[in-house]
PDB file of N, CA and C in Angstrom:
ATOM      1  N   UNK A   1       0.750  -1.273  -0.084  1.00  0.00           N
ATOM      2  CA  UNK A   1       0.069   0.230  -0.274  1.00  0.00           C
ATOM      3  C   UNK A   1       0.966   1.330  -0.014  1.00  0.00           C
ATOM      4  N   UNK A   2       0.513   2.080  -0.766  1.00  0.00           N
ATOM      5  CA  UNK A   2       1.417   3.463  -0.825  1.00  0.00           C
ATOM      6  C   UNK A   2       0.566   4.515  -0.269  1.00  0.00           C
ATOM      7  N   UNK A   3       1.152   5.263   0.787  1.00  0.00           N
ATOM      8  CA  UNK A   3       0.562   6.059   1.382  1.00  0.00           C
ATOM      9  C   UNK A   3       1.203   7.272   0.979  1.00  0.00           C
ATOM     10  N   UNK A   4      -0.051   8.616   0.499  1.00  0.00           N
ATOM     11  CA  UNK A   4       0.246   9.836  -0.102  1.00  0.00           C
ATOM     12  C   UNK A   4      -0.236  10.668   0.794  1.00  0.00           C
ATOM     13  N   UNK A   5       0.345  11.335   1.893  1.00  0.00           N
ATOM     14  CA  UNK A   5       0.060  12.394   2.585  1.00  0.00           C
ATOM     15  C   UNK A   5       0.332  13.822   2.470  1.00  0.00           C
ATOM     16  N   UNK A   6      -0.142  14.648   2.401  1.00  0.00           N
ATOM     17  CA  UNK A   6       0.054  16.258   2.074  1.00  0.00           C
ATOM     18  C   UNK A   6       0.283  16.711   3.463  1.00  0.00           C
ATOM     19  N   UNK A   7       0.714  17.849   3.229  1.00  0.00           N
ATOM     20  CA  UNK A   7       0.988  18.755   4.416  1.00  0.00           C
ATOM     21  C   UNK A   7       0.014  18.854   5.519  1.00  0.00           C
ATOM     22  N   UNK A   8      -0.837  19.302   5.245  1.00  0.00           N
ATOM     23  CA  UNK A   8      -2.376  19.090   6.074  1.00  0.00           C
ATOM     24  C   UNK A   8      -2.389  17.925   6.809  1.00  0.00           C
ATOM     25  N   UNK A   9      -2.390  16.716   6.195  1.00  0.00           N
ATOM     26  CA  UNK A   9      -2.443  15.271   6.756  1.00  0.00           C
ATOM     27  C   UNK A   9      -1.361  15.110   8.029  1.00  0.00           C
ATOM     28  N   UNK A  10      -0.024  15.601   7.570  1.00  0.00           N
ATOM     29  CA  UNK A  10       1.158  15.503   8.354  1.00  0.00           C
ATOM     30  C   UNK A  10       0.768  16.265   9.526  1.00  0.00           C
ATOM     31  N   UNK A  11       0.349  17.443   9.595  1.00  0.00           N
ATOM     32  CA  UNK A  11       0.190  18.361  10.748  1.00  0.00           C
ATOM     33  C   UNK A  11      -1.065  18.051  11.697  1.00  0.00           C
ATOM     34  N   UNK A  12      -2.086  17.104  11.103  1.00  0.00           N
ATOM     35  CA  UNK A  12      -3.088  16.701  11.478  1.00  0.00           C
ATOM     36  C   UNK A  12      -2.586  15.465  12.540  1.00  0.00           C
ATOM     37  N   UNK A  13      -1.675  14.573  11.874  1.00  0.00           N
ATOM     38  CA  UNK A  13      -1.130  13.513  12.512  1.00  0.00           C
ATOM     39  C   UNK A  13      -0.262  13.954  13.820  1.00  0.00           C
ATOM     40  N   UNK A  14       0.643  14.799  13.315  1.00  0.00           N
ATOM     41  CA  UNK A  14       1.335  15.456  14.731  1.00  0.00           C
ATOM     42  C   UNK A  14       0.539  16.142  15.692  1.00  0.00           C
ATOM     43  N   UNK A  15      -0.528  16.651  15.482  1.00  0.00           N
ATOM     44  CA  UNK A  15      -1.520  17.149  16.407  1.00  0.00           C
ATOM     45  C   UNK A  15      -2.249  15.767  17.345  1.00  0.00           C
ATOM     46  N   UNK A  16      -2.280  15.030  16.805  1.00  0.00           N
ATOM     47  CA  UNK A  16      -2.650  13.838  17.295  1.00  0.00           C
ATOM     48  C   UNK A  16      -1.799  13.126  18.107  1.00  0.00           C
ATOM     49  N   UNK A  17      -0.590  12.880  17.679  1.00  0.00           N
ATOM     50  CA  UNK A  17       0.680  12.413  18.500  1.00  0.00           C
ATOM     51  C   UNK A  17       1.151  13.143  19.725  1.00  0.00           C
ATOM     52  N   UNK A  18       0.707  14.319  19.744  1.00  0.00           N
ATOM     53  CA  UNK A  18       1.574  15.037  20.900  1.00  0.00           C
ATOM     54  C   UNK A  18       1.289  14.551  22.228  1.00  0.00           C
ATOM     55  N   UNK A  19      -0.060  13.743  22.330  1.00  0.00           N
ATOM     56  CA  UNK A  19      -0.426  13.341  23.705  1.00  0.00           C
ATOM     57  C   UNK A  19      -0.106  11.596  23.861  1.00  0.00           C
ATOM     58  N   UNK A  20       0.284  11.066  22.765  1.00  0.00           N
ATOM     59  CA  UNK A  20       0.592   9.644  22.965  1.00  0.00           C
ATOM     60  C   UNK A  20       1.998   9.617  23.823  1.00  0.00           C
ATOM     61  N   UNK A  21       1.827   8.242  24.188  1.00  0.00           N
ATOM     62  CA  UNK A  21       2.852   8.050  24.969  1.00  0.00           C
ATOM     63  C   UNK A  21       3.756   6.844  23.985  1.00  0.00           C
ATOM     64  N   UNK A  22       5.078   6.654  24.060  1.00  0.00           N
ATOM     65  CA  UNK A  22       5.890   5.951  23.230  1.00  0.00           C
ATOM     66  C   UNK A  22       5.279   4.471  23.479  1.00  0.00           C
ATOM     67  N   UNK A  23       5.130   3.902  22.222  1.00  0.00           N
ATOM     68  CA  UNK A  23       4.586   2.487  22.291  1.00  0.00           C
ATOM     69  C   UNK A  23       5.968   1.489  22.198  1.00  0.00           C
ATOM     70  N   UNK A  24       7.095   1.898  21.653  1.00  0.00           N
ATOM     71  CA  UNK A  24       8.342   1.052  21.585  1.00  0.00           C
ATOM     72  C   UNK A  24       9.397   1.918  21.933  1.00  0.00           C
ATOM     73  N   UNK A  25      10.141   1.300  22.457  1.00  0.00           N
ATOM     74  CA  UNK A  25      11.570   1.833  22.897  1.00  0.00           C
ATOM     75  C   UNK A  25      12.940   1.057  21.913  1.00  0.00           C
ATOM     76  N   UNK A  26      13.414   1.942  21.693  1.00  0.00           N
ATOM     77  CA  UNK A  26      14.583   1.379  20.580  1.00  0.00           C
ATOM     78  C   UNK A  26      16.327   1.532  21.158  1.00  0.00           C
ATOM     79  N   UNK A  27      16.769   0.512  21.829  1.00  0.00           N
ATOM     80  CA  UNK A  27      17.806   0.757  22.385  1.00  0.00           C
ATOM     81  C   UNK A  27      19.027   0.340  21.582  1.00  0.00           C
ATOM     82  N   UNK A  28      20.414  -0.014  22.154  1.00  0.00           N
ATOM     83  CA  UNK A  28      21.603  -0.140  21.263  1.00  0.00           C
ATOM     84  C   UNK A  28      21.423  -1.260  20.469  1.00  0.00           C
ATOM     85  N   UNK A  29      20.494  -2.224  20.299  1.00  0.00           N
ATOM     86  CA  UNK A  29      20.373  -3.127  18.974  1.00  0.00           C
ATOM     87  C   UNK A  29      19.143  -2.849  18.246  1.00  0.00           C
ATOM     88  N   UNK A  30      19.150  -1.514  17.973  1.00  0.00           N
ATOM     89  CA  UNK A  30      17.914  -0.943  17.307  1.00  0.00           C
ATOM     90  C   UNK A  30      16.927  -1.495  16.506  1.00  0.00           C
ATOM     91  N   UNK A  31      17.518  -1.978  15.278  1.00  0.00           N
ATOM     92  CA  UNK A  31      16.628  -2.126  14.117  1.00  0.00           C
ATOM     93  C   UNK A  31      16.533  -3.856  14.228  1.00  0.00           C
ATOM     94  N   UNK A  32      16.408  -4.878  15.095  1.00  0.00           N
ATOM     95  CA  UNK A  32      16.450  -6.269  15.036  1.00  0.00           C
ATOM     96  C   UNK A  32      14.956  -6.498  14.613  1.00  0.00           C
ATOM     97  N   UNK A  33      14.774  -7.713  14.174  1.00  0.00           N
ATOM     98  CA  UNK A  33      13.474  -8.278  13.072  1.00  0.00           C
ATOM     99  C   UNK A  33      12.591  -8.208  14.693  1.00  0.00           C
ATOM    100  N   UNK A  34      12.768  -8.489  15.725  1.00  0.00           N
ATOM    101  CA  UNK A  34      11.738  -8.746  16.918  1.00  0.00           C
ATOM    102  C   UNK A  34      11.302  -7.416  17.341  1.00  0.00           C
ATOM    103  N   UNK A  35      12.031  -6.325  17.002  1.00  0.00           N
ATOM    104  CA  UNK A  35      11.709  -4.665  17.167  1.00  0.00           C
ATOM    105  C   UNK A  35      10.805  -4.353  16.007  1.00  0.00           C
ATOM    106  N   UNK A  36      11.252  -4.811  14.648  1.00  0.00           N
ATOM    107  CA  UNK A  36      10.467  -4.369  13.448  1.00  0.00           C
ATOM    108  C   UNK A  36       9.051  -4.785  13.818  1.00  0.00           C
ATOM    109  N   UNK A  37       8.991  -6.417  14.244  1.00  0.00           N
ATOM    110  CA  UNK A  37       7.602  -6.942  14.383  1.00  0.00           C
ATOM    111  C   UNK A  37       6.782  -6.243  15.399  1.00  0.00           C
ATOM    112  N   UNK A  38       7.416  -5.645  16.623  1.00  0.00           N
ATOM    113  CA  UNK A  38       6.647  -5.000  17.788  1.00  0.00           C
ATOM    114  C   UNK A  38       6.211  -3.506  16.920  1.00  0.00           C
ATOM    115  N   UNK A  39       6.764  -3.185  16.186  1.00  0.00           N
ATOM    116  CA  UNK A  39       6.462  -1.792  15.699  1.00  0.00           C
ATOM    117  C   UNK A  39       5.310  -2.023  14.812  1.00  0.00           C
ATOM    118  N   UNK A  40       5.255  -2.958  13.878  1.00  0.00           N
ATOM    119  CA  UNK A  40       4.042  -3.547  12.835  1.00  0.00           C
ATOM    120  C   UNK A  40       2.990  -3.485  13.866  1.00  0.00           C
ATOM    121  N   UNK A  41       3.204  -4.461  15.065  1.00  0.00           N
ATOM    122  CA  UNK A  41       1.793  -5.118  15.686  1.00  0.00           C
ATOM    123  C   UNK A  41       1.285  -3.655  16.111  1.00  0.00           C
ATOM    124  N   UNK A  42       2.191  -3.009  17.003  1.00  0.00           N
ATOM    125  CA  UNK A  42       1.873  -1.586  17.566  1.00  0.00           C
ATOM    126  C   UNK A  42       1.209  -0.562  16.545  1.00  0.00           C
ATOM    127  N   UNK A  43       1.742  -0.423  15.357  1.00  0.00           N
ATOM    128  CA  UNK A  43       0.975   0.167  14.411  1.00  0.00           C
ATOM    129  C   UNK A  43      -0.507  -0.888  13.738  1.00  0.00           C
ATOM    130  N   UNK A  44      -0.503  -1.514  13.596  1.00  0.00           N
ATOM    131  CA  UNK A  44      -1.800  -2.560  13.485  1.00  0.00           C
ATOM    132  C   UNK A  44      -2.732  -2.268  14.411  1.00  0.00           C
ATOM    133  N   UNK A  45      -2.546  -2.183  15.601  1.00  0.00           N
ATOM    134  CA  UNK A  45      -3.430  -1.886  16.516  1.00  0.00           C
ATOM    135  C   UNK A  45      -3.781  -0.520  16.771  1.00  0.00           C
ATOM    136  N   UNK A  46      -2.877   0.545  16.392  1.00  0.00           N
ATOM    137  CA  UNK A  46      -3.165   1.960  16.827  1.00  0.00           C
ATOM    138  C   UNK A  46      -2.841   2.916  15.508  1.00  0.00           C
ATOM    139  N   UNK A  47      -2.499   2.498  14.484  1.00  0.00           N
ATOM    140  CA  UNK A  47      -2.277   3.478  13.485  1.00  0.00           C
ATOM    141  C   UNK A  47      -1.219   4.363  13.259  1.00  0.00           C
ATOM    142  N   UNK A  48      -1.206   5.132  14.763  1.00  0.00           N
ATOM    143  CA  UNK A  48      -0.466   6.025  14.876  1.00  0.00           C
ATOM    144  C   UNK A  48       0.415   5.717  16.023  1.00  0.00           C
ATOM    145  N   UNK A  49       1.798   5.782  16.121  1.00  0.00           N
ATOM    146  CA  UNK A  49       2.509   5.462  17.486  1.00  0.00           C
ATOM    147  C   UNK A  49       3.744   6.301  17.222  1.00  0.00           C
ATOM    148  N   UNK A  50       4.218   6.409  18.769  1.00  0.00           N
ATOM    149  CA  UNK A  50       5.407   6.765  19.095  1.00  0.00           C
ATOM    150  C   UNK A  50       6.618   6.056  19.392  1.00  0.00           C
ATOM    151  N   UNK A  51       7.931   6.390  18.652  1.00  0.00           N
ATOM    152  CA  UNK A  51       8.882   5.412  18.967  1.00  0.00           C
ATOM    153  C   UNK A  51       9.875   5.916  19.876  1.00  0.00           C
ATOM    154  N   UNK A  52      10.589   5.707  20.979  1.00  0.00           N
ATOM    155  CA  UNK A  52      11.498   6.368  21.642  1.00  0.00           C
ATOM    156  C   UNK A  52      12.778   5.669  21.280  1.00  0.00           C
ATOM    157  N   UNK A  53      13.810   6.444  20.890  1.00  0.00           N
ATOM    158  CA  UNK A  53      15.095   6.022  20.721  1.00  0.00           C
ATOM    159  C   UNK A  53      15.908   6.328  21.827  1.00  0.00           C
ATOM    160  N   UNK A  54      16.579   5.136  22.755  1.00  0.00           N
ATOM    161  CA  UNK A  54      17.135   5.743  23.722  1.00  0.00           C
ATOM    162  C   UNK A  54      18.552   6.042  23.241  1.00  0.00           C
ATOM    163  N   UNK A  55      19.399   6.504  24.679  1.00  0.00           N
ATOM    164  CA  UNK A  55      20.586   7.299  24.251  1.00  0.00           C
ATOM    165  C   UNK A  55      21.716   6.415  23.772  1.00  0.00           C
ATOM    166  N   UNK A  56      21.519   4.930  23.637  1.00  0.00           N
ATOM    167  CA  UNK A  56      22.367   4.001  23.558  1.00  0.00           C
ATOM    168  C   UNK A  56      22.310   3.548  21.759  1.00  0.00           C
ATOM    169  N   UNK A  57      21.307   4.126  21.237  1.00  0.00           N
ATOM    170  CA  UNK A  57      21.275   3.997  19.818  1.00  0.00           C
ATOM    171  C   UNK A  57      22.178   4.670  19.029  1.00  0.00           C
ATOM    172  N   UNK A  58      23.000   3.620  18.196  1.00  0.00           N
ATOM    173  CA  UNK A  58      24.199   4.586  17.528  1.00  0.00           C
ATOM    174  C   UNK A  58      23.458   5.148  16.289  1.00  0.00           C
ATOM    175  N   UNK A  59      24.376   5.927  15.793  1.00  0.00           N
ATOM    176  CA  UNK A  59      23.846   6.522  14.536  1.00  0.00           C
ATOM    177  C   UNK A  59      23.160   7.588  14.359  1.00  0.00           C
ATOM    178  N   UNK A  60      22.834   8.237  13.270  1.00  0.00           N
ATOM    179  CA  UNK A  60      22.075   9.348  13.045  1.00  0.00           C
ATOM    180  C   UNK A  60      20.897   9.268  13.451  1.00  0.00           C
ATOM    181  N   UNK A  61      19.939   9.898  14.251  1.00  0.00           N
ATOM    182  CA  UNK A  61      18.576   9.321  14.624  1.00  0.00           C
ATOM    183  C   UNK A  61      17.500   9.635  13.493  1.00  0.00           C
ATOM    184  N   UNK A  62      18.195  10.438  12.678  1.00  0.00           N
ATOM    185  CA  UNK A  62      17.146  10.527  11.310  1.00  0.00           C
ATOM    186  C   UNK A  62      17.116   9.476  10.550  1.00  0.00           C
ATOM    187  N   UNK A  63      18.488   8.782  10.395  1.00  0.00           N
ATOM    188  CA  UNK A  63      18.669   7.896   9.741  1.00  0.00           C
ATOM    189  C   UNK A  63      17.975   6.646  10.034  1.00  0.00           C
ATOM    190  N   UNK A  64      17.945   6.422  11.380  1.00  0.00           N
ATOM    191  CA  UNK A  64      17.410   5.194  12.108  1.00  0.00           C
ATOM    192  C   UNK A  64      15.945   5.479  12.096  1.00  0.00           C
ATOM    193  N   UNK A  65      15.393   6.485  12.116  1.00  0.00           N
ATOM    194  CA  UNK A  65      13.814   6.555  11.884  1.00  0.00           C
ATOM    195  C   UNK A  65      13.477   6.543  10.437  1.00  0.00           C
ATOM    196  N   UNK A  66      14.243   6.703   9.548  1.00  0.00           N
ATOM    197  CA  UNK A  66      13.882   6.518   8.175  1.00  0.00           C
ATOM    198  C   UNK A  66      13.696   4.867   7.905  1.00  0.00           C
ATOM    199  N   UNK A  67      15.114   4.369   8.506  1.00  0.00           N
ATOM    200  CA  UNK A  67      15.037   3.170   8.311  1.00  0.00           C
ATOM    201  C   UNK A  67      14.095   2.143   8.965  1.00  0.00           C
ATOM    202  N   UNK A  68      13.671   2.363  10.117  1.00  0.00           N
ATOM    203  CA  UNK A  68      12.685   2.079  10.765  1.00  0.00           C
ATOM    204  C   UNK A  68      11.383   2.124  10.184  1.00  0.00           C
ATOM    205  N   UNK A  69      10.909   3.239   9.555  1.00  0.00           N
ATOM    206  CA  UNK A  69       9.854   3.392   8.729  1.00  0.00           C
ATOM    207  C   UNK A  69       9.544   2.322   7.536  1.00  0.00           C
ATOM    208  N   UNK A  70      10.807   2.477   6.930  1.00  0.00           N
ATOM    209  CA  UNK A  70      10.985   1.853   5.558  1.00  0.00           C
ATOM    210  C   UNK A  70      10.529   0.163   5.796  1.00  0.00           C
ATOM    211  N   UNK A  71      11.629  -0.193   6.741  1.00  0.00           N
ATOM    212  CA  UNK A  71      11.306  -1.787   7.215  1.00  0.00           C
ATOM    213  C   UNK A  71       9.833  -2.154   7.912  1.00  0.00           C
ATOM    214  N   UNK A  72       9.143  -1.096   8.656  1.00  0.00           N
ATOM    215  CA  UNK A  72       7.900  -1.416   9.143  1.00  0.00           C
ATOM    216  C   UNK A  72       6.916  -1.204   7.983  1.00  0.00           C
ATOM    217  N   UNK A  73       7.192  -0.519   6.874  1.00  0.00           N
ATOM    218  CA  UNK A  73       6.380  -0.440   5.788  1.00  0.00           C
ATOM    219  C   UNK A  73       5.315   0.788   6.343  1.00  0.00           C
ATOM    220  N   UNK A  74       5.822   1.814   7.449  1.00  0.00           N
ATOM    221  CA  UNK A  74       5.031   2.882   7.644  1.00  0.00           C
ATOM    222  C   UNK A  74       5.413   4.225   7.119  1.00  0.00           C
ATOM    223  N   UNK A  75       4.696   5.406   7.446  1.00  0.00           N
ATOM    224  CA  UNK A  75       5.070   6.751   6.908  1.00  0.00           C
ATOM    225  C   UNK A  75       5.791   7.320   8.382  1.00  0.00           C
ATOM    226  N   UNK A  76       6.854   7.890   7.910  1.00  0.00           N
ATOM    227  CA  UNK A  76       7.304   8.681   8.855  1.00  0.00           C
ATOM    228  C   UNK A  76       7.128   9.870   8.976  1.00  0.00           C
ATOM    229  N   UNK A  77       6.212  10.252   9.943  1.00  0.00           N
ATOM    230  CA  UNK A  77       5.707  11.531  10.194  1.00  0.00           C
ATOM    231  C   UNK A  77       6.475  12.343  10.730  1.00  0.00           C
ATOM    232  N   UNK A  78       7.231  12.431  11.997  1.00  0.00           N
ATOM    233  CA  UNK A  78       8.180  13.517  12.480  1.00  0.00           C
ATOM    234  C   UNK A  78       9.072  12.811  13.407  1.00  0.00           C
ATOM    235  N   UNK A  79      10.135  13.453  13.342  1.00  0.00           N
ATOM    236  CA  UNK A  79      11.365  13.320  14.200  1.00  0.00           C
ATOM    237  C   UNK A  79      11.703  14.332  15.274  1.00  0.00           C
ATOM    238  N   UNK A  80      11.220  14.199  16.441  1.00  0.00           N
ATOM    239  CA  UNK A  80      11.566  15.199  17.284  1.00  0.00           C
ATOM    240  C   UNK A  80      12.521  14.685  18.600  1.00  0.00           C
ATOM    241  N   UNK A  81      13.338  15.386  18.432  1.00  0.00           N
ATOM    242  CA  UNK A  81      14.399  14.738  19.679  1.00  0.00           C
ATOM    243  C   UNK A  81      14.681  13.468  19.338  1.00  0.00           C
ATOM    244  N   UNK A  82      14.513  12.722  20.329  1.00  0.00           N
ATOM    245  CA  UNK A  82      14.711  11.161  20.233  1.00  0.00           C
ATOM    246  C   UNK A  82      13.532  10.534  20.134  1.00  0.00           C
ATOM    247  N   UNK A  83      12.371  11.186  19.710  1.00  0.00           N
ATOM    248  CA  UNK A  83      11.066  10.458  19.500  1.00  0.00           C
ATOM    249  C   UNK A  83      10.696  10.386  18.044  1.00  0.00           C
ATOM    250  N   UNK A  84      10.153   9.269  17.430  1.00  0.00           N
ATOM    251  CA  UNK A  84       9.674   9.203  16.170  1.00  0.00           C
ATOM    252  C   UNK A  84       8.524   9.096  16.225  1.00  0.00           C
ATOM    253  N   UNK A  85       7.798   9.396  15.425  1.00  0.00           N
ATOM    254  CA  UNK A  85       6.097   9.565  15.126  1.00  0.00           C
ATOM    255  C   UNK A  85       5.894   8.464  13.400  1.00  0.00           C
ATOM    256  N   UNK A  86       5.480   7.429  13.990  1.00  0.00           N
ATOM    257  CA  UNK A  86       5.050   6.497  12.704  1.00  0.00           C
ATOM    258  C   UNK A  86       3.605   6.478  12.349  1.00  0.00           C
ATOM    259  N   UNK A  87       3.183   6.342  11.089  1.00  0.00           N
ATOM    260  CA  UNK A  87       1.697   6.257  10.834  1.00  0.00           C
ATOM    261  C   UNK A  87       1.554   5.074   9.683  1.00  0.00           C
ATOM    262  N   UNK A  88       0.725   4.087  10.055  1.00  0.00           N
ATOM    263  CA  UNK A  88       0.338   3.282   9.012  1.00  0.00           C
ATOM    264  C   UNK A  88      -1.240   2.942   9.017  1.00  0.00           C
ATOM    265  N   UNK A  89      -2.123   3.451   7.923  1.00  0.00           N
ATOM    266  CA  UNK A  89      -3.516   3.358   8.256  1.00  0.00           C
ATOM    267  C   UNK A  89      -3.966   1.857   8.128  1.00  0.00           C
ATOM    268  N   UNK A  90      -5.002   1.456   8.812  1.00  0.00           N
ATOM    269  CA  UNK A  90      -5.528   0.373   8.832  1.00  0.00           C
ATOM    270  C   UNK A  90      -6.325   0.116   7.812  1.00  0.00           C
ATOM    271  N   UNK A  91      -6.328  -0.642   6.626  1.00  0.00           N
ATOM    272  CA  UNK A  91      -7.056  -0.500   5.624  1.00  0.00           C
ATOM    273  C   UNK A  91      -8.421  -1.135   5.761  1.00  0.00           C
ATOM    274  N   UNK A  92      -8.701  -2.094   6.655  1.00  0.00           N
ATOM    275  CA  UNK A  92     -10.100  -2.438   6.755  1.00  0.00           C
ATOM    276  C   UNK A  92     -10.910  -1.727   7.930  1.00  0.00           C
ATOM    277  N   UNK A  93     -10.024  -1.057   8.772  1.00  0.00           N
ATOM    278  CA  UNK A  93     -11.031  -0.443   9.746  1.00  0.00           C
ATOM    279  C   UNK A  93     -10.078   0.767  10.115  1.00  0.00           C
ATOM    280  N   UNK A  94     -10.029   1.537   9.519  1.00  0.00           N
ATOM    281  CA  UNK A  94      -9.450   2.979   9.589  1.00  0.00           C
ATOM    282  C   UNK A  94      -9.992   3.642  11.018  1.00  0.00           C
ATOM    283  N   UNK A  95      -9.101   3.963  11.998  1.00  0.00           N
ATOM    284  CA  UNK A  95      -9.535   4.973  13.357  1.00  0.00           C
ATOM    285  C   UNK A  95      -9.020   6.122  13.339  1.00  0.00           C
ATOM    286  N   UNK A  96      -8.311   6.620  12.213  1.00  0.00           N
ATOM    287  CA  UNK A  96      -7.869   7.879  12.235  1.00  0.00           C
ATOM    288  C   UNK A  96      -8.543   8.419  10.844  1.00  0.00           C
ATOM    289  N   UNK A  97      -9.181   9.657  10.693  1.00  0.00           N
ATOM    290  CA  UNK A  97      -9.751  10.127   9.384  1.00  0.00           C
ATOM    291  C   UNK A  97      -8.997  11.479   9.212  1.00  0.00           C
ATOM    292  N   UNK A  98      -8.386  11.434   8.238  1.00  0.00           N
ATOM    293  CA  UNK A  98      -7.660  12.569   7.777  1.00  0.00           C
ATOM    294  C   UNK A  98      -8.272  13.474   7.247  1.00  0.00           C
ATOM    295  N   UNK A  99      -7.763  14.977   7.328  1.00  0.00           N
ATOM    296  CA  UNK A  99      -8.913  15.653   6.766  1.00  0.00           C
ATOM    297  C   UNK A  99      -8.969  15.942   5.296  1.00  0.00           C
ATOM    298  N   UNK A 100      -9.597  16.418   4.539  1.00  0.00           N
ATOM    299  CA  UNK A 100      -9.891  16.512   3.230  1.00  0.00           C
ATOM    300  C   UNK A 100      -8.779  17.408   2.156  1.00  0.00           C
TER     301      UNK A 100
END
């Protein structure tokens, strides 16, 4: 599934993400298959999740966030500090309605 988000969709999703607590924490072994599976599971349940990159994550946080989004099949909405916001709409029963 290809996601095409416009600027106002991203703003809307960032607004929804403000009050979310991180669903997944990435440590020093950041992008293992089990972590990717956990991110996919969280996205399937919630569509929009925060992922917290701990201080032990090596490498550029934006590169790690892009790779995480790509491997999870999600859209990278925002990297703010060490917090990443990811979005993957549920095709069967979407819970987040994007503005027109």
